[in-house]
N, C-alpha and C. Protein backbone atom coordinates (compact mmCIF):
# COMPACT_ATOMS: atom_id res chain seq x y z
N UNK A 1 0.86 -1.17 0.00
CA UNK A 1 0.00 0.00 0.00
C UNK A 1 0.89 1.23 0.00
N UNK A 2 0.73 2.11 -0.96
CA UNK A 2 1.53 3.32 -1.00
C UNK A 2 0.78 4.44 -0.31
N UNK A 3 1.32 5.65 -0.36
CA UNK A 3 0.71 6.77 0.34
C UNK A 3 -0.68 7.11 -0.14
N UNK A 4 -1.51 7.57 0.77
CA UNK A 4 -2.88 7.98 0.46
C UNK A 4 -2.82 9.27 -0.36
N UNK A 5 -3.65 9.35 -1.39
CA UNK A 5 -3.71 10.56 -2.21
C UNK A 5 -4.29 11.71 -1.41
N UNK A 6 -4.30 12.87 -2.02
CA UNK A 6 -4.77 14.08 -1.35
C UNK A 6 -6.30 14.14 -1.30
N UNK A 7 -6.89 13.34 -0.46
CA UNK A 7 -8.31 13.40 -0.15
C UNK A 7 -8.39 13.46 1.36
N UNK A 8 -9.39 14.13 1.89
CA UNK A 8 -9.39 14.34 3.33
C UNK A 8 -9.94 13.19 4.16
N UNK A 9 -10.77 12.34 3.59
CA UNK A 9 -11.36 11.23 4.34
C UNK A 9 -10.74 9.90 3.94
N UNK A 10 -10.82 8.96 4.86
CA UNK A 10 -10.42 7.58 4.61
C UNK A 10 -11.66 6.73 4.83
N UNK A 11 -12.02 5.90 3.85
CA UNK A 11 -13.18 5.01 3.99
C UNK A 11 -12.68 3.57 3.98
N UNK A 12 -13.11 2.81 4.97
CA UNK A 12 -12.72 1.41 5.10
C UNK A 12 -13.86 0.53 4.60
N UNK A 13 -13.52 -0.40 3.69
CA UNK A 13 -14.50 -1.34 3.17
C UNK A 13 -13.98 -2.75 3.41
N UNK A 14 -14.89 -3.72 3.43
CA UNK A 14 -14.49 -5.10 3.58
C UNK A 14 -15.60 -5.94 4.17
N UNK A 15 -15.35 -7.22 4.26
CA UNK A 15 -16.32 -8.19 4.77
C UNK A 15 -16.66 -7.90 6.23
N UNK A 16 -17.84 -8.34 6.66
CA UNK A 16 -18.17 -8.25 8.08
C UNK A 16 -17.09 -8.97 8.89
N UNK A 17 -16.75 -8.42 10.03
CA UNK A 17 -15.77 -8.99 10.96
C UNK A 17 -14.33 -8.86 10.50
N UNK A 18 -14.06 -8.02 9.49
CA UNK A 18 -12.68 -7.83 9.05
C UNK A 18 -11.96 -6.77 9.88
N UNK A 19 -12.70 -6.00 10.67
CA UNK A 19 -12.08 -5.02 11.55
C UNK A 19 -12.29 -3.57 11.18
N UNK A 20 -13.21 -3.28 10.28
CA UNK A 20 -13.40 -1.89 9.82
C UNK A 20 -13.70 -0.93 10.97
N UNK A 21 -14.67 -1.27 11.79
CA UNK A 21 -15.05 -0.38 12.89
C UNK A 21 -13.98 -0.34 13.97
N UNK A 22 -13.45 -1.49 14.32
CA UNK A 22 -12.42 -1.55 15.36
C UNK A 22 -11.19 -0.77 14.96
N UNK A 23 -10.69 -1.01 13.76
CA UNK A 23 -9.50 -0.31 13.25
C UNK A 23 -9.82 1.16 13.06
N UNK A 24 -11.00 1.44 12.53
CA UNK A 24 -11.40 2.83 12.29
C UNK A 24 -11.37 3.68 13.53
N UNK A 25 -11.89 3.17 14.63
CA UNK A 25 -11.89 3.91 15.90
C UNK A 25 -10.46 4.19 16.35
N UNK A 26 -9.60 3.18 16.30
CA UNK A 26 -8.22 3.34 16.75
C UNK A 26 -7.48 4.36 15.90
N UNK A 27 -7.62 4.26 14.58
CA UNK A 27 -6.95 5.18 13.67
C UNK A 27 -7.47 6.60 13.86
N UNK A 28 -8.77 6.75 13.97
CA UNK A 28 -9.36 8.09 14.17
C UNK A 28 -8.86 8.72 15.46
N UNK A 29 -8.83 7.97 16.54
CA UNK A 29 -8.35 8.50 17.81
C UNK A 29 -6.88 8.88 17.73
N UNK A 30 -6.07 8.02 17.13
CA UNK A 30 -4.63 8.28 17.04
C UNK A 30 -4.33 9.53 16.21
N UNK A 31 -5.14 9.78 15.19
CA UNK A 31 -4.92 10.92 14.30
C UNK A 31 -5.79 12.12 14.66
N UNK A 32 -6.53 11.99 15.75
CA UNK A 32 -7.42 13.07 16.20
C UNK A 32 -8.39 13.47 15.09
N UNK A 33 -9.00 12.47 14.49
CA UNK A 33 -9.99 12.68 13.43
C UNK A 33 -11.34 12.15 13.89
N UNK A 34 -12.42 12.69 13.36
CA UNK A 34 -13.73 12.11 13.66
C UNK A 34 -13.84 10.70 13.09
N UNK A 35 -14.60 9.86 13.78
CA UNK A 35 -14.88 8.51 13.30
C UNK A 35 -16.36 8.43 12.96
N UNK A 36 -16.65 7.89 11.80
CA UNK A 36 -18.04 7.73 11.34
C UNK A 36 -18.26 6.27 11.00
N UNK A 37 -19.31 5.69 11.57
CA UNK A 37 -19.69 4.31 11.27
C UNK A 37 -21.03 4.36 10.55
N UNK A 38 -21.04 4.03 9.27
CA UNK A 38 -22.29 4.16 8.51
C UNK A 38 -23.37 3.20 8.99
N UNK A 39 -22.99 2.05 9.54
CA UNK A 39 -24.00 1.15 10.11
C UNK A 39 -24.72 1.83 11.27
N UNK A 40 -23.97 2.54 12.10
CA UNK A 40 -24.57 3.27 13.23
C UNK A 40 -25.51 4.36 12.74
N UNK A 41 -25.12 5.05 11.67
CA UNK A 41 -25.98 6.10 11.11
C UNK A 41 -27.31 5.50 10.64
N UNK A 42 -27.23 4.38 9.93
CA UNK A 42 -28.45 3.72 9.43
C UNK A 42 -29.36 3.35 10.60
N UNK A 43 -28.78 2.81 11.65
CA UNK A 43 -29.57 2.41 12.82
C UNK A 43 -30.19 3.61 13.52
N UNK A 44 -29.41 4.69 13.65
CA UNK A 44 -29.93 5.90 14.30
C UNK A 44 -31.07 6.52 13.50
N UNK A 45 -30.89 6.65 12.21
CA UNK A 45 -31.92 7.26 11.36
C UNK A 45 -33.22 6.45 11.40
N UNK A 46 -33.10 5.14 11.39
CA UNK A 46 -34.27 4.27 11.29
C UNK A 46 -34.78 3.73 12.63
N UNK A 47 -34.02 3.95 13.69
CA UNK A 47 -34.46 3.52 15.02
C UNK A 47 -34.54 2.02 15.22
N UNK A 48 -33.76 1.28 14.43
CA UNK A 48 -33.78 -0.18 14.53
C UNK A 48 -32.37 -0.72 14.31
N UNK A 49 -32.07 -1.88 14.90
CA UNK A 49 -30.80 -2.53 14.58
C UNK A 49 -30.81 -3.02 13.13
N UNK A 50 -29.64 -3.21 12.58
CA UNK A 50 -29.53 -3.62 11.17
C UNK A 50 -30.33 -4.88 10.87
N UNK A 51 -30.23 -5.87 11.72
CA UNK A 51 -30.93 -7.13 11.45
C UNK A 51 -32.43 -6.92 11.37
N UNK A 52 -32.96 -6.03 12.21
CA UNK A 52 -34.40 -5.77 12.20
C UNK A 52 -34.79 -5.03 10.92
N UNK A 53 -33.96 -4.09 10.50
CA UNK A 53 -34.22 -3.39 9.24
C UNK A 53 -34.24 -4.37 8.07
N UNK A 54 -33.28 -5.27 8.04
CA UNK A 54 -33.24 -6.28 6.98
C UNK A 54 -34.49 -7.15 7.00
N UNK A 55 -34.88 -7.54 8.20
CA UNK A 55 -36.06 -8.40 8.35
C UNK A 55 -37.33 -7.66 7.94
N UNK A 56 -37.48 -6.41 8.40
CA UNK A 56 -38.70 -5.64 8.15
C UNK A 56 -38.77 -5.07 6.74
N UNK A 57 -37.65 -4.59 6.23
CA UNK A 57 -37.65 -3.86 4.96
C UNK A 57 -37.25 -4.72 3.77
N UNK A 58 -36.48 -5.76 4.00
CA UNK A 58 -35.99 -6.58 2.91
C UNK A 58 -34.65 -6.07 2.39
N UNK A 59 -33.99 -6.93 1.64
CA UNK A 59 -32.64 -6.65 1.15
C UNK A 59 -32.56 -5.38 0.30
N UNK A 60 -33.41 -5.26 -0.71
CA UNK A 60 -33.32 -4.13 -1.63
C UNK A 60 -33.55 -2.79 -0.93
N UNK A 61 -34.55 -2.74 -0.07
CA UNK A 61 -34.83 -1.50 0.66
C UNK A 61 -33.68 -1.17 1.61
N UNK A 62 -33.13 -2.20 2.26
CA UNK A 62 -32.00 -1.98 3.15
C UNK A 62 -30.82 -1.38 2.38
N UNK A 63 -30.54 -1.93 1.21
CA UNK A 63 -29.43 -1.41 0.40
C UNK A 63 -29.67 0.04 0.00
N UNK A 64 -30.92 0.41 -0.25
CA UNK A 64 -31.25 1.81 -0.55
C UNK A 64 -31.01 2.69 0.67
N UNK A 65 -31.40 2.22 1.85
CA UNK A 65 -31.18 2.97 3.08
C UNK A 65 -29.68 3.17 3.32
N UNK A 66 -28.91 2.12 3.06
CA UNK A 66 -27.47 2.19 3.24
C UNK A 66 -26.86 3.19 2.26
N UNK A 67 -27.27 3.12 1.01
CA UNK A 67 -26.77 4.05 -0.01
C UNK A 67 -27.12 5.49 0.35
N UNK A 68 -28.36 5.72 0.78
CA UNK A 68 -28.78 7.06 1.16
C UNK A 68 -27.97 7.59 2.34
N UNK A 69 -27.70 6.73 3.32
CA UNK A 69 -26.92 7.15 4.49
C UNK A 69 -25.51 7.54 4.07
N UNK A 70 -24.89 6.75 3.22
CA UNK A 70 -23.53 7.05 2.76
C UNK A 70 -23.52 8.35 1.95
N UNK A 71 -24.46 8.49 1.04
CA UNK A 71 -24.49 9.67 0.17
C UNK A 71 -24.88 10.95 0.92
N UNK A 72 -25.37 10.81 2.14
CA UNK A 72 -25.71 11.99 2.94
C UNK A 72 -24.54 12.47 3.79
N UNK A 73 -23.42 11.74 3.76
CA UNK A 73 -22.28 12.14 4.57
C UNK A 73 -21.76 13.50 4.15
N UNK A 74 -21.49 14.32 5.14
CA UNK A 74 -20.88 15.62 4.92
C UNK A 74 -19.76 15.73 5.95
N UNK A 75 -18.56 15.34 5.54
CA UNK A 75 -17.47 15.26 6.50
C UNK A 75 -16.14 15.57 5.83
N UNK A 76 -15.18 15.90 6.65
CA UNK A 76 -13.82 16.13 6.18
C UNK A 76 -12.86 15.58 7.22
N UNK A 77 -11.71 15.11 6.76
CA UNK A 77 -10.68 14.59 7.65
C UNK A 77 -11.20 13.52 8.60
N UNK A 78 -12.09 12.69 8.11
CA UNK A 78 -12.71 11.66 8.94
C UNK A 78 -12.27 10.27 8.51
N UNK A 79 -12.43 9.34 9.44
CA UNK A 79 -12.24 7.93 9.15
C UNK A 79 -13.64 7.33 9.12
N UNK A 80 -14.00 6.71 8.01
CA UNK A 80 -15.35 6.20 7.79
C UNK A 80 -15.31 4.67 7.69
N UNK A 81 -16.05 4.01 8.58
CA UNK A 81 -16.22 2.55 8.48
C UNK A 81 -17.57 2.31 7.81
N UNK A 82 -17.56 1.57 6.73
CA UNK A 82 -18.79 1.32 5.98
C UNK A 82 -19.34 -0.06 6.31
N UNK A 83 -20.60 -0.26 5.99
CA UNK A 83 -21.19 -1.59 6.07
C UNK A 83 -20.63 -2.44 4.95
N UNK A 84 -20.53 -3.73 5.17
CA UNK A 84 -19.95 -4.62 4.16
C UNK A 84 -20.70 -4.65 2.85
N UNK A 85 -21.98 -4.31 2.88
CA UNK A 85 -22.80 -4.38 1.66
C UNK A 85 -22.82 -3.08 0.86
N UNK A 86 -22.11 -2.06 1.31
CA UNK A 86 -22.11 -0.78 0.60
C UNK A 86 -21.64 -0.93 -0.84
N UNK A 87 -20.81 -1.92 -1.11
CA UNK A 87 -20.28 -2.11 -2.47
C UNK A 87 -21.34 -2.54 -3.48
N UNK A 88 -22.54 -2.87 -3.02
CA UNK A 88 -23.62 -3.19 -3.94
C UNK A 88 -24.24 -1.93 -4.54
N UNK A 89 -23.91 -0.77 -4.01
CA UNK A 89 -24.45 0.48 -4.52
C UNK A 89 -23.37 1.26 -5.26
N UNK A 90 -23.47 1.28 -6.58
CA UNK A 90 -22.51 2.04 -7.37
C UNK A 90 -22.57 3.51 -7.00
N UNK A 91 -23.77 4.02 -6.76
CA UNK A 91 -23.94 5.42 -6.38
C UNK A 91 -23.19 5.73 -5.09
N UNK A 92 -23.35 4.89 -4.08
CA UNK A 92 -22.67 5.11 -2.80
C UNK A 92 -21.16 5.02 -2.96
N UNK A 93 -20.70 4.06 -3.73
CA UNK A 93 -19.25 3.88 -3.89
C UNK A 93 -18.64 5.03 -4.68
N UNK A 94 -19.32 5.52 -5.70
CA UNK A 94 -18.81 6.67 -6.44
C UNK A 94 -18.77 7.91 -5.55
N UNK A 95 -19.78 8.06 -4.69
CA UNK A 95 -19.78 9.17 -3.74
C UNK A 95 -18.58 9.05 -2.80
N UNK A 96 -18.38 7.85 -2.24
CA UNK A 96 -17.25 7.65 -1.34
C UNK A 96 -15.93 7.95 -2.04
N UNK A 97 -15.79 7.49 -3.28
CA UNK A 97 -14.55 7.75 -4.02
C UNK A 97 -14.33 9.25 -4.23
N UNK A 98 -15.41 10.02 -4.27
CA UNK A 98 -15.27 11.47 -4.48
C UNK A 98 -14.83 12.21 -3.21
N UNK A 99 -15.04 11.60 -2.04
CA UNK A 99 -14.70 12.28 -0.79
C UNK A 99 -13.61 11.58 0.02
N UNK A 100 -13.21 10.38 -0.41
CA UNK A 100 -12.30 9.59 0.42
C UNK A 100 -11.40 8.69 -0.40
N UNK A 101 -10.29 8.35 0.20
CA UNK A 101 -9.49 7.25 -0.32
C UNK A 101 -10.09 5.99 0.29
N UNK A 102 -10.29 4.98 -0.52
CA UNK A 102 -10.96 3.77 -0.07
C UNK A 102 -9.93 2.68 0.18
N UNK A 103 -9.96 2.17 1.40
CA UNK A 103 -9.03 1.12 1.82
C UNK A 103 -9.82 -0.17 2.04
N UNK A 104 -9.46 -1.18 1.28
CA UNK A 104 -10.08 -2.50 1.40
C UNK A 104 -9.34 -3.28 2.48
N UNK A 105 -10.04 -3.63 3.54
CA UNK A 105 -9.49 -4.45 4.61
C UNK A 105 -9.66 -5.91 4.16
N UNK A 106 -8.64 -6.42 3.51
CA UNK A 106 -8.70 -7.75 2.90
C UNK A 106 -8.54 -8.84 3.96
N UNK A 107 -9.42 -9.81 3.90
CA UNK A 107 -9.38 -10.94 4.82
C UNK A 107 -9.73 -12.20 4.03
N UNK A 108 -9.07 -13.30 4.35
CA UNK A 108 -9.32 -14.54 3.61
C UNK A 108 -10.68 -15.13 4.00
N UNK A 109 -11.19 -15.98 3.12
CA UNK A 109 -12.46 -16.63 3.44
C UNK A 109 -12.39 -17.46 4.72
N UNK A 110 -11.34 -18.28 4.92
CA UNK A 110 -11.29 -19.05 6.17
C UNK A 110 -11.33 -18.15 7.42
N UNK A 111 -10.68 -17.00 7.35
CA UNK A 111 -10.68 -16.09 8.50
C UNK A 111 -12.07 -15.49 8.73
N UNK A 112 -12.76 -15.13 7.64
CA UNK A 112 -14.13 -14.61 7.77
C UNK A 112 -15.04 -15.68 8.37
N UNK A 113 -14.96 -16.88 7.83
CA UNK A 113 -15.80 -17.98 8.31
C UNK A 113 -15.55 -18.24 9.79
N UNK A 114 -14.30 -18.20 10.20
CA UNK A 114 -13.96 -18.43 11.61
C UNK A 114 -14.52 -17.33 12.50
N UNK A 115 -14.35 -16.08 12.07
CA UNK A 115 -14.82 -14.95 12.88
C UNK A 115 -16.34 -14.89 12.98
N UNK A 116 -17.02 -15.35 11.94
CA UNK A 116 -18.49 -15.31 11.94
C UNK A 116 -19.13 -16.62 12.43
N UNK A 117 -18.31 -17.65 12.66
CA UNK A 117 -18.84 -18.98 13.00
C UNK A 117 -19.72 -18.97 14.24
N UNK A 118 -19.36 -18.21 15.23
CA UNK A 118 -20.11 -18.22 16.48
C UNK A 118 -21.24 -17.18 16.50
N UNK A 119 -21.41 -16.47 15.41
CA UNK A 119 -22.44 -15.43 15.34
C UNK A 119 -23.61 -15.87 14.46
N UNK A 120 -24.76 -15.34 14.75
CA UNK A 120 -25.92 -15.52 13.88
C UNK A 120 -25.81 -14.42 12.82
N UNK A 121 -25.46 -14.80 11.60
CA UNK A 121 -25.22 -13.83 10.53
C UNK A 121 -26.42 -12.92 10.32
N UNK A 122 -27.61 -13.48 10.37
CA UNK A 122 -28.81 -12.66 10.17
C UNK A 122 -28.96 -11.64 11.30
N UNK A 123 -28.66 -12.03 12.53
CA UNK A 123 -28.80 -11.11 13.66
C UNK A 123 -27.70 -10.05 13.66
N UNK A 124 -26.63 -10.30 12.94
CA UNK A 124 -25.56 -9.31 12.81
C UNK A 124 -25.93 -8.26 11.76
N UNK A 125 -26.89 -8.58 10.91
CA UNK A 125 -27.30 -7.65 9.88
C UNK A 125 -26.51 -7.77 8.60
N UNK A 126 -26.05 -8.98 8.30
CA UNK A 126 -25.29 -9.21 7.07
C UNK A 126 -26.28 -9.40 5.92
N UNK A 127 -26.13 -8.58 4.89
CA UNK A 127 -27.02 -8.65 3.72
C UNK A 127 -26.65 -9.87 2.88
N UNK A 128 -27.58 -10.81 2.80
CA UNK A 128 -27.37 -12.03 2.02
C UNK A 128 -28.35 -12.02 0.85
N UNK A 129 -28.03 -12.77 -0.19
CA UNK A 129 -28.93 -12.99 -1.32
C UNK A 129 -29.66 -14.30 -1.07
N UNK A 130 -30.92 -14.25 -0.76
CA UNK A 130 -31.75 -15.44 -0.58
C UNK A 130 -30.99 -16.57 0.12
N UNK A 131 -30.71 -17.64 -0.60
CA UNK A 131 -30.07 -18.81 0.01
C UNK A 131 -28.57 -18.86 -0.27
N UNK A 132 -27.99 -17.74 -0.64
CA UNK A 132 -26.57 -17.72 -0.95
C UNK A 132 -25.75 -18.08 0.30
N UNK A 133 -24.77 -18.88 0.10
CA UNK A 133 -23.88 -19.30 1.19
C UNK A 133 -22.81 -18.24 1.42
N UNK A 134 -22.19 -18.30 2.59
CA UNK A 134 -21.17 -17.33 2.96
C UNK A 134 -20.03 -17.29 1.94
N UNK A 135 -19.59 -18.44 1.45
CA UNK A 135 -18.50 -18.47 0.47
C UNK A 135 -18.89 -17.72 -0.80
N UNK A 136 -20.11 -17.92 -1.28
CA UNK A 136 -20.57 -17.22 -2.48
C UNK A 136 -20.62 -15.71 -2.23
N UNK A 137 -21.10 -15.33 -1.06
CA UNK A 137 -21.16 -13.92 -0.69
C UNK A 137 -19.75 -13.33 -0.66
N UNK A 138 -18.82 -14.06 -0.06
CA UNK A 138 -17.43 -13.62 0.03
C UNK A 138 -16.84 -13.40 -1.37
N UNK A 139 -17.01 -14.37 -2.24
CA UNK A 139 -16.45 -14.27 -3.59
C UNK A 139 -17.06 -13.12 -4.37
N UNK A 140 -18.36 -12.94 -4.24
CA UNK A 140 -19.04 -11.85 -4.94
C UNK A 140 -18.55 -10.48 -4.44
N UNK A 141 -18.50 -10.33 -3.13
CA UNK A 141 -18.08 -9.05 -2.56
C UNK A 141 -16.60 -8.78 -2.77
N UNK A 142 -15.78 -9.81 -2.71
CA UNK A 142 -14.34 -9.62 -2.88
C UNK A 142 -14.05 -8.93 -4.21
N UNK A 143 -14.73 -9.34 -5.26
CA UNK A 143 -14.54 -8.71 -6.58
C UNK A 143 -14.93 -7.23 -6.52
N UNK A 144 -16.03 -6.94 -5.84
CA UNK A 144 -16.49 -5.55 -5.75
C UNK A 144 -15.55 -4.70 -4.89
N UNK A 145 -15.08 -5.25 -3.77
CA UNK A 145 -14.15 -4.50 -2.93
C UNK A 145 -12.90 -4.14 -3.74
N UNK A 146 -12.39 -5.09 -4.49
CA UNK A 146 -11.19 -4.83 -5.30
C UNK A 146 -11.46 -3.80 -6.39
N UNK A 147 -12.65 -3.83 -6.94
CA UNK A 147 -13.02 -2.87 -7.99
C UNK A 147 -12.95 -1.43 -7.48
N UNK A 148 -13.43 -1.21 -6.27
CA UNK A 148 -13.53 0.15 -5.75
C UNK A 148 -12.34 0.61 -4.92
N UNK A 149 -11.51 -0.31 -4.45
CA UNK A 149 -10.43 0.04 -3.53
C UNK A 149 -9.34 0.86 -4.19
N UNK A 150 -8.91 1.90 -3.49
CA UNK A 150 -7.71 2.62 -3.88
C UNK A 150 -6.49 1.89 -3.33
N UNK A 151 -6.65 1.28 -2.16
CA UNK A 151 -5.57 0.58 -1.47
C UNK A 151 -6.14 -0.66 -0.80
N UNK A 152 -5.28 -1.65 -0.63
CA UNK A 152 -5.68 -2.89 0.03
C UNK A 152 -4.71 -3.17 1.16
N UNK A 153 -5.26 -3.51 2.32
CA UNK A 153 -4.45 -3.87 3.49
C UNK A 153 -4.82 -5.30 3.87
N UNK A 154 -3.83 -6.18 3.89
CA UNK A 154 -4.07 -7.57 4.30
C UNK A 154 -4.30 -7.61 5.81
N UNK A 155 -5.45 -8.14 6.21
CA UNK A 155 -5.84 -8.11 7.62
C UNK A 155 -5.71 -9.47 8.32
N UNK A 156 -5.44 -10.53 7.58
CA UNK A 156 -5.43 -11.87 8.17
C UNK A 156 -4.41 -12.08 9.27
N UNK A 157 -3.18 -11.81 8.98
CA UNK A 157 -2.09 -12.18 9.89
C UNK A 157 -1.63 -11.03 10.78
N UNK A 158 -2.44 -10.00 10.88
CA UNK A 158 -2.05 -8.85 11.70
C UNK A 158 -3.01 -8.68 12.86
N UNK A 159 -2.45 -8.21 13.97
CA UNK A 159 -3.31 -7.88 15.11
C UNK A 159 -4.00 -6.56 14.82
N UNK A 160 -4.99 -6.24 15.62
CA UNK A 160 -5.70 -4.97 15.49
C UNK A 160 -4.70 -3.82 15.58
N UNK A 161 -3.80 -3.91 16.53
CA UNK A 161 -2.81 -2.86 16.73
C UNK A 161 -1.88 -2.72 15.52
N UNK A 162 -1.46 -3.85 14.95
CA UNK A 162 -0.59 -3.82 13.77
C UNK A 162 -1.31 -3.22 12.57
N UNK A 163 -2.57 -3.58 12.39
CA UNK A 163 -3.34 -3.03 11.28
C UNK A 163 -3.51 -1.52 11.43
N UNK A 164 -3.86 -1.10 12.62
CA UNK A 164 -4.05 0.33 12.87
C UNK A 164 -2.74 1.08 12.65
N UNK A 165 -1.64 0.55 13.17
CA UNK A 165 -0.34 1.20 13.00
C UNK A 165 0.04 1.29 11.53
N UNK A 166 -0.24 0.26 10.76
CA UNK A 166 0.08 0.26 9.32
C UNK A 166 -0.70 1.35 8.60
N UNK A 167 -1.98 1.45 8.88
CA UNK A 167 -2.80 2.46 8.23
C UNK A 167 -2.40 3.87 8.66
N UNK A 168 -2.12 4.05 9.95
CA UNK A 168 -1.68 5.35 10.46
C UNK A 168 -0.38 5.76 9.79
N UNK A 169 0.54 4.83 9.66
CA UNK A 169 1.83 5.11 9.03
C UNK A 169 1.66 5.57 7.59
N UNK A 170 0.82 4.91 6.85
CA UNK A 170 0.58 5.27 5.45
C UNK A 170 -0.05 6.66 5.36
N UNK A 171 -1.02 6.94 6.21
CA UNK A 171 -1.69 8.25 6.19
C UNK A 171 -0.70 9.35 6.55
N UNK A 172 0.11 9.13 7.57
CA UNK A 172 1.08 10.16 7.99
C UNK A 172 2.13 10.41 6.92
N UNK A 173 2.62 9.36 6.27
CA UNK A 173 3.62 9.53 5.21
C UNK A 173 3.04 10.35 4.06
N UNK A 174 1.81 10.07 3.70
CA UNK A 174 1.21 10.80 2.58
C UNK A 174 0.96 12.26 2.95
N UNK A 175 0.60 12.51 4.20
CA UNK A 175 0.38 13.89 4.65
C UNK A 175 1.69 14.67 4.61
N UNK A 176 2.79 14.03 4.97
CA UNK A 176 4.09 14.68 4.96
C UNK A 176 4.55 15.00 3.54
N UNK A 177 4.09 14.22 2.56
CA UNK A 177 4.49 14.42 1.17
C UNK A 177 3.74 15.54 0.49
N UNK A 178 2.61 15.98 1.07
CA UNK A 178 1.78 17.00 0.41
C UNK A 178 2.41 18.37 0.43
């Protein structure tokens, strides 16, 4: 991963449980930047947890709510953690690309499966396609994450602290180059 271009926001994308929110909070605090979690925004606006929104509204409506929440962002110098399904909205991703450098928190399928094994995926609010299995979801999203990413950070073999330090280092180096 080379230096971040001259954009004021950093947006983290990736599979559920890859560390977007956890890393985002650490990086934002270390750099004294605001932290924005788009999943939290969706829940606040709609007054329901993600899983309930998915259950009540359905997949397509949920994706529209997610896209609207992302496209309503008005921020600068922020670290943004997105929902894993944001990549299904070309509109939302193009908006993010216009305000942020997009960092794909890459994680292998076995690591995702392990991290999600003890969780009820539906109760976590993971957007699935009907009877699609986790592997199919992973493969589909992986292509989309790579399509939109400006940078990719391998998250499998690193601790939370190592990932945060790596991202902070890249951001600081690019800021010094401006």
